[in-house]
Amino acid sequence: MKYQDYYQILGVSRDADEAEIKKSYRKLARQYHPDVNSEASAEEKFKQVNEAYEVLKDAEKRQAYDRFGTDWKHGHEFSGAGRGGAYSGGGGGFSGGDFSDFFESIFGGGFQQQTGGRTRQARTAPNGEDHQLKLNISLEEAYHGGTKTIQFSQKNPSSSGHSAVEMKKLKVNLPKGVAQGQKIRLSKQGHPAPGGGQPGDLYLEMDILPHPYFKLDGNDVIFRLPITPWEAAQGTTLQVPTLSGKVDLKIKPGMQSGQKMRLKGKGMPGPTGGDQLVEIMIQTPPVQNEEDEKFYRQMKKQFDFNPRSF
């Protein structure tokens, strides 16, 4: 077996104390670790540094090495630094605790640990960032649900540590009856993670756009129904729009502006579904000619009516 000078590998003198040996090892392990050094010779140097440290950090092994040199293990071939190898789980190698904790401290987690030429992930790589967006949807889309295609910019981290902004297109399934401000979580659709970790999540906050005819009040839908004075006075049946289609609504005689009628179950769907409230709005015809004006004068004489009786 070829003799290796462990003191020379670690760059310390033969009378170096434990603190000097540990300090030099930490510096060299970080310098040659395959996760931070892509040179072809880095992996071999990294193994040599670990092999040297495994011996020199242990007083008993160091004493045997100083005395016997290459034959410090009395004829047993040294394959990988210490009993069971520098990366094995047996004996005095870097098993679990000290090895993992050390590399977590200098690399911040997510390092790789080598075992017998193979590589296994010792810590889970950090996840990507979550992404939050406001999604503008129509009241009809909120009511019916369905598929909607969205496009948004996303950070894509590169191996150099910088982030490139890319456009991403995604099909989103909107549940039926989503509410204003409700958030939908799309797992692993957020920003990608550096180092092969799991992508973050995408959170979509629903923003229901104003509607020309309907207004939301919680789960209820309010609709203002304009009617004529004679319809209000005599009563009638009218077709009223709802989010699920038109329905017939019976107007009782004597309805007043501001009165509300309830259409049960015609509001937003869901576990606590709402109703549609129809607010009566009496519209007075405008005076466009002399005959119209004469008619209103006649009405004034015909009805002894003062709405300001208070």
Protein backbone atom coordinates (compact mmCIF):
# COMPACT_ATOMS: atom_id res chain seq x y z
CA MET A 1 0.00 0.00 0.00
CA LYS A 2 1.32 3.44 -0.96
CA TYR A 3 2.22 5.59 2.04
CA GLN A 4 0.20 8.78 2.45
CA ASP A 5 1.41 11.62 4.62
CA TYR A 6 -1.76 12.66 6.44
CA TYR A 7 -0.09 15.70 7.99
CA GLN A 8 0.94 16.94 4.55
CA ILE A 9 -2.56 16.28 3.16
CA LEU A 10 -4.11 18.43 5.90
CA GLY A 11 -1.30 20.99 5.71
CA VAL A 12 -0.37 20.83 9.41
CA SER A 13 2.81 20.06 11.31
CA ARG A 14 3.37 16.75 13.09
CA ASP A 15 2.98 18.41 16.49
CA ALA A 16 -0.30 20.17 15.55
CA ASP A 17 -2.95 20.00 18.24
CA GLU A 18 -6.54 18.85 17.81
CA ALA A 19 -7.88 22.38 17.22
CA GLU A 20 -5.38 23.06 14.39
CA ILE A 21 -6.19 19.75 12.74
CA LYS A 22 -9.93 20.36 12.92
CA LYS A 23 -9.63 23.93 11.60
CA SER A 24 -7.54 22.83 8.62
CA TYR A 25 -9.91 19.93 7.89
CA ARG A 26 -12.97 22.18 7.84
CA LYS A 27 -11.29 24.56 5.39
CA LEU A 28 -10.14 21.79 3.03
CA ALA A 29 -13.40 19.81 3.23
CA ARG A 30 -15.32 22.87 2.16
CA GLN A 31 -12.80 23.65 -0.60
CA TYR A 32 -12.90 20.20 -2.19
CA HIS A 33 -16.48 19.10 -1.46
CA PRO A 34 -18.06 17.91 -4.77
CA ASP A 35 -21.10 20.09 -4.17
CA VAL A 36 -19.02 23.27 -4.38
CA ASN A 37 -16.00 22.19 -6.46
CA SER A 38 -16.57 20.82 -9.95
CA GLU A 39 -12.90 20.10 -10.76
CA ALA A 40 -12.16 16.50 -11.76
CA SER A 41 -9.59 16.05 -8.98
CA ALA A 42 -11.76 17.53 -6.24
CA GLU A 43 -13.54 14.31 -5.30
CA GLU A 44 -10.29 12.38 -4.83
CA LYS A 45 -8.78 15.18 -2.74
CA PHE A 46 -11.95 15.32 -0.69
CA LYS A 47 -11.60 11.59 0.09
CA GLN A 48 -7.94 12.02 1.06
CA VAL A 49 -8.76 14.92 3.39
CA ASN A 50 -11.44 12.87 5.14
CA GLU A 51 -9.15 9.86 5.38
CA ALA A 52 -6.41 11.96 6.96
CA TYR A 53 -8.74 13.66 9.40
CA GLU A 54 -10.34 10.37 10.44
CA VAL A 55 -6.94 9.16 11.62
CA LEU A 56 -5.40 12.33 13.04
CA LYS A 57 -8.47 13.41 15.03
CA ASP A 58 -8.35 10.13 17.01
CA ALA A 59 -5.51 10.03 19.54
CA GLU A 60 -5.18 6.22 19.43
CA LYS A 61 -5.16 6.03 15.63
CA ARG A 62 -2.80 8.99 15.38
CA GLN A 63 -0.33 7.36 17.78
CA ALA A 64 -0.41 4.13 15.75
CA TYR A 65 0.05 6.06 12.49
CA ASP A 66 3.01 8.02 13.90
CA ARG A 67 4.63 4.77 15.02
CA PHE A 68 3.90 2.36 12.17
CA GLY A 69 3.20 4.63 9.19
CA THR A 70 1.70 2.61 6.36
CA ASP A 71 1.33 -0.44 8.62
CA TRP A 72 -0.52 1.48 11.33
CA LYS A 73 -3.47 -0.94 11.15
CA HIS A 74 -1.18 -3.97 11.50
CA GLY A 75 -1.68 -5.40 8.05
CA HIS A 76 -5.36 -4.51 7.52
CA GLU A 77 -5.70 -2.47 4.35
CA PHE A 78 -6.98 1.01 4.99
CA SER A 79 -9.89 1.47 2.61
CA GLY A 80 -11.49 4.82 3.17
CA ALA A 81 -10.39 6.22 6.56
CA GLY A 82 -11.11 4.23 9.63
CA ARG A 83 -13.09 1.19 10.72
CA GLY A 84 -15.83 0.68 8.19
CA GLY A 85 -14.54 3.50 5.89
CA ALA A 86 -14.73 7.23 6.19
CA TYR A 87 -18.36 7.30 5.05
CA SER A 88 -19.70 4.11 6.57
CA GLY A 89 -22.02 3.74 9.53
CA GLY A 90 -19.75 1.41 11.47
CA GLY A 91 -16.94 1.97 13.93
CA GLY A 92 -15.34 5.38 14.04
CA GLY A 93 -16.16 6.72 10.56
CA PHE A 94 -18.34 9.71 9.74
CA SER A 95 -21.57 7.96 10.61
CA GLY A 96 -24.75 9.99 10.88
CA GLY A 97 -24.29 12.65 13.54
CA ASP A 98 -20.90 14.38 13.31
CA PHE A 99 -20.55 14.09 9.52
CA SER A 100 -24.12 15.21 8.76
CA ASP A 101 -24.11 17.98 11.34
CA PHE A 102 -20.75 19.28 10.14
CA PHE A 103 -21.76 19.55 6.50
CA GLU A 104 -25.10 21.04 7.41
CA SER A 105 -23.22 23.75 9.30
CA ILE A 106 -20.89 24.66 6.39
CA PHE A 107 -23.27 24.05 3.47
CA GLY A 108 -26.59 24.98 5.10
CA GLY A 109 -28.31 21.61 4.60
CA GLY A 110 -29.01 19.68 1.42
CA PHE A 111 -25.46 18.18 1.12
CA GLN A 112 -24.70 14.78 -0.40
CA GLN A 113 -22.97 12.00 1.51
CA GLN A 114 -20.91 9.40 -0.37
CA THR A 115 -20.94 5.75 0.60
CA GLY A 116 -18.77 3.22 -1.18
CA GLY A 117 -18.69 5.15 -4.45
CA ARG A 118 -22.44 5.79 -4.36
CA THR A 119 -24.14 9.03 -3.45
CA ARG A 120 -27.19 9.38 -1.24
CA GLN A 121 -29.07 12.50 -0.20
CA ALA A 122 -28.43 13.14 3.45
CA ARG A 123 -30.74 16.10 3.77
CA THR A 124 -33.71 17.20 1.74
CA ALA A 125 -32.88 20.08 -0.58
CA PRO A 126 -34.70 23.34 0.19
CA ASN A 127 -38.06 23.87 -1.47
CA GLY A 128 -38.74 26.62 -3.97
CA GLU A 129 -40.58 29.78 -2.99
CA ASP A 130 -44.37 29.89 -2.94
CA HIS A 131 -45.97 32.14 -5.53
CA GLN A 132 -49.10 34.23 -4.82
CA LEU A 133 -51.25 35.74 -7.55
CA LYS A 134 -54.60 37.50 -7.80
CA LEU A 135 -56.83 35.88 -10.40
CA ASN A 136 -59.49 38.08 -11.99
CA ILE A 137 -62.60 36.07 -12.81
CA SER A 138 -66.12 36.97 -13.90
CA LEU A 139 -69.11 36.39 -11.65
CA GLU A 140 -70.28 33.71 -14.10
CA GLU A 141 -66.92 31.90 -13.80
CA ALA A 142 -67.18 32.05 -10.01
CA TYR A 143 -70.72 30.66 -10.15
CA HIS A 144 -70.22 27.85 -12.70
CA GLY A 145 -66.56 26.99 -12.09
CA GLY A 146 -64.66 25.27 -14.88
CA THR A 147 -61.24 25.44 -16.56
CA LYS A 148 -59.35 28.69 -17.02
CA THR A 149 -55.94 29.16 -18.67
CA ILE A 150 -53.66 31.65 -16.95
CA GLN A 151 -50.23 33.01 -17.87
CA PHE A 152 -47.79 34.55 -15.39
CA SER A 153 -44.09 35.27 -14.87
CA GLN A 154 -42.03 32.95 -12.69
CA LYS A 155 -38.50 32.97 -11.23
CA ASN A 156 -36.37 30.06 -12.45
CA PRO A 157 -33.10 29.77 -10.45
CA SER A 158 -30.00 28.73 -12.41
CA SER A 159 -26.95 26.80 -11.25
CA SER A 160 -25.02 30.08 -10.98
CA GLY A 161 -27.37 31.27 -8.25
CA HIS A 162 -29.12 33.89 -10.38
CA SER A 163 -32.82 33.77 -11.24
CA ALA A 164 -34.22 34.12 -14.74
CA VAL A 165 -37.79 35.32 -15.24
CA GLU A 166 -39.84 33.08 -17.51
CA MET A 167 -43.47 33.04 -18.62
CA LYS A 168 -45.54 30.05 -17.56
CA LYS A 169 -48.92 28.97 -18.90
CA LEU A 170 -51.18 26.85 -16.72
CA LYS A 171 -54.70 25.42 -16.86
CA VAL A 172 -56.58 25.98 -13.61
CA ASN A 173 -59.70 24.12 -12.50
CA LEU A 174 -61.97 26.58 -10.70
CA PRO A 175 -64.36 24.94 -8.22
CA LYS A 176 -68.01 25.85 -8.50
CA GLY A 177 -69.03 28.74 -6.25
CA VAL A 178 -65.65 30.24 -5.34
CA ALA A 179 -65.91 33.32 -3.14
CA GLN A 180 -64.31 36.74 -3.31
CA GLY A 181 -60.86 36.58 -1.69
CA GLN A 182 -60.85 32.77 -1.54
CA LYS A 183 -57.40 31.21 -2.08
CA ILE A 184 -56.79 28.10 -4.16
CA ARG A 185 -53.55 26.18 -3.55
CA LEU A 186 -51.89 24.46 -6.50
CA SER A 187 -49.23 22.09 -5.17
CA LYS A 188 -45.73 22.35 -6.72
CA GLN A 189 -46.76 25.00 -9.23
CA GLY A 190 -44.79 27.79 -7.55
CA HIS A 191 -41.20 28.88 -8.16
CA PRO A 192 -38.72 26.04 -8.98
CA ALA A 193 -36.17 25.18 -6.30
CA PRO A 194 -32.39 25.47 -6.64
CA GLY A 195 -30.47 22.24 -6.21
CA GLY A 196 -33.25 19.91 -7.29
CA GLY A 197 -35.60 20.53 -4.38
CA GLN A 198 -39.38 20.49 -4.58
CA PRO A 199 -41.00 23.49 -6.30
CA GLY A 200 -43.04 25.83 -4.15
CA ASP A 201 -46.83 26.06 -4.25
CA LEU A 202 -48.95 28.50 -6.23
CA TYR A 203 -51.70 30.34 -4.32
CA LEU A 204 -54.42 31.98 -6.42
CA GLU A 205 -56.56 34.60 -4.69
CA MET A 206 -59.95 34.99 -6.34
CA ASP A 207 -60.92 38.53 -7.37
CA ILE A 208 -64.45 38.58 -8.79
CA LEU A 209 -64.89 41.44 -11.25
CA PRO A 210 -67.88 43.82 -11.02
CA HIS A 211 -70.96 42.70 -12.97
CA PRO A 212 -73.22 45.07 -14.95
CA TYR A 213 -76.44 43.60 -13.48
CA PHE A 214 -75.64 41.56 -10.36
CA LYS A 215 -73.98 42.49 -7.09
CA LEU A 216 -72.57 40.07 -4.50
CA ASP A 217 -73.47 40.30 -0.82
CA GLY A 218 -71.69 37.33 0.76
CA ASN A 219 -73.31 34.29 -0.84
CA ASP A 220 -76.39 36.26 -1.89
CA VAL A 221 -76.78 37.88 -5.30
CA ILE A 222 -78.63 41.20 -5.54
CA PHE A 223 -80.44 42.19 -8.73
CA ARG A 224 -82.24 45.51 -9.19
CA LEU A 225 -85.43 45.07 -11.22
CA PRO A 226 -86.79 48.21 -12.91
CA ILE A 227 -90.60 48.22 -13.26
CA THR A 228 -93.20 50.76 -14.39
CA PRO A 229 -95.60 52.53 -12.02
CA TRP A 230 -98.56 50.60 -13.42
CA GLU A 231 -96.77 47.25 -13.02
CA ALA A 232 -96.05 48.16 -9.43
CA ALA A 233 -99.62 49.34 -8.82
CA GLN A 234 -101.50 46.54 -10.57
CA GLY A 235 -99.04 43.66 -10.18
CA THR A 236 -97.64 41.50 -12.97
CA THR A 237 -95.41 38.51 -13.76
CA LEU A 238 -91.97 39.28 -15.22
CA GLN A 239 -88.97 37.24 -16.39
CA VAL A 240 -85.98 37.91 -14.17
CA PRO A 241 -82.36 36.96 -15.04
CA THR A 242 -80.37 34.81 -12.61
CA LEU A 243 -76.89 33.30 -12.87
CA SER A 244 -78.50 29.96 -13.76
CA GLY A 245 -80.96 31.38 -16.32
CA LYS A 246 -84.22 33.34 -16.45
CA VAL A 247 -87.10 32.63 -14.05
CA ASP A 248 -90.65 33.99 -13.73
CA LEU A 249 -91.24 36.36 -10.84
CA LYS A 250 -94.74 37.38 -9.70
CA ILE A 251 -94.97 41.03 -8.68
CA LYS A 252 -97.80 41.64 -6.21
CA PRO A 253 -99.96 44.78 -6.60
CA GLY A 254 -98.83 47.80 -4.61
CA MET A 255 -95.06 47.10 -4.70
CA GLN A 256 -92.86 50.02 -3.67
CA SER A 257 -89.34 50.99 -4.74
CA GLY A 258 -86.71 49.45 -2.50
CA GLN A 259 -88.78 46.42 -1.56
CA LYS A 260 -86.95 43.10 -2.02
CA MET A 261 -88.20 39.72 -3.13
CA ARG A 262 -86.24 36.54 -2.49
CA LEU A 263 -85.48 33.81 -5.04
CA LYS A 264 -84.51 30.86 -2.85
CA GLY A 265 -81.33 29.02 -3.85
CA LYS A 266 -80.51 31.33 -6.76
CA GLY A 267 -77.43 32.85 -5.15
CA MET A 268 -73.88 31.48 -5.13
CA PRO A 269 -73.65 27.68 -4.81
CA GLY A 270 -71.76 25.88 -2.08
CA PRO A 271 -72.22 24.32 1.37
CA THR A 272 -73.91 27.53 2.56
CA GLY A 273 -75.44 28.54 -0.75
CA GLY A 274 -77.13 31.91 -1.04
CA ASP A 275 -80.31 33.37 -2.54
CA GLN A 276 -80.99 36.00 -5.15
CA LEU A 277 -82.60 39.17 -3.81
CA VAL A 278 -84.63 41.13 -6.35
CA GLU A 279 -84.87 44.80 -5.42
CA ILE A 280 -87.82 46.65 -6.95
CA MET A 281 -86.95 49.93 -8.67
CA ILE A 282 -90.00 51.87 -9.95
CA GLN A 283 -89.10 53.92 -13.01
CA THR A 284 -91.26 56.92 -13.98
CA PRO A 285 -91.68 57.59 -17.71
CA PRO A 286 -90.21 60.92 -18.80
CA VAL A 287 -92.38 63.75 -20.16
CA GLN A 288 -91.62 64.03 -23.86
CA ASN A 289 -94.51 66.09 -25.21
CA GLU A 290 -97.58 68.12 -24.27
CA GLU A 291 -99.83 65.06 -24.11
CA ASP A 292 -97.54 63.42 -21.54
CA GLU A 293 -97.59 66.57 -19.44
CA LYS A 294 -101.40 66.72 -19.65
CA PHE A 295 -101.57 63.09 -18.50
CA TYR A 296 -99.44 63.78 -15.41
CA ARG A 297 -101.62 66.82 -14.52
CA GLN A 298 -104.65 64.57 -14.75
CA MET A 299 -102.97 61.99 -12.51
CA LYS A 300 -102.30 64.69 -9.94
CA LYS A 301 -105.99 65.56 -9.87
CA GLN A 302 -107.04 61.91 -9.93
CA PHE A 303 -104.99 60.78 -6.91
CA ASP A 304 -105.08 62.39 -3.53
CA PHE A 305 -101.61 61.01 -2.70
CA ASN A 306 -98.76 62.47 -0.70
CA PRO A 307 -95.73 60.13 -0.25
CA ARG A 308 -94.31 62.59 2.29
CA SER A 309 -97.03 61.99 4.84
CA PHE A 310 -94.40 61.82 7.60
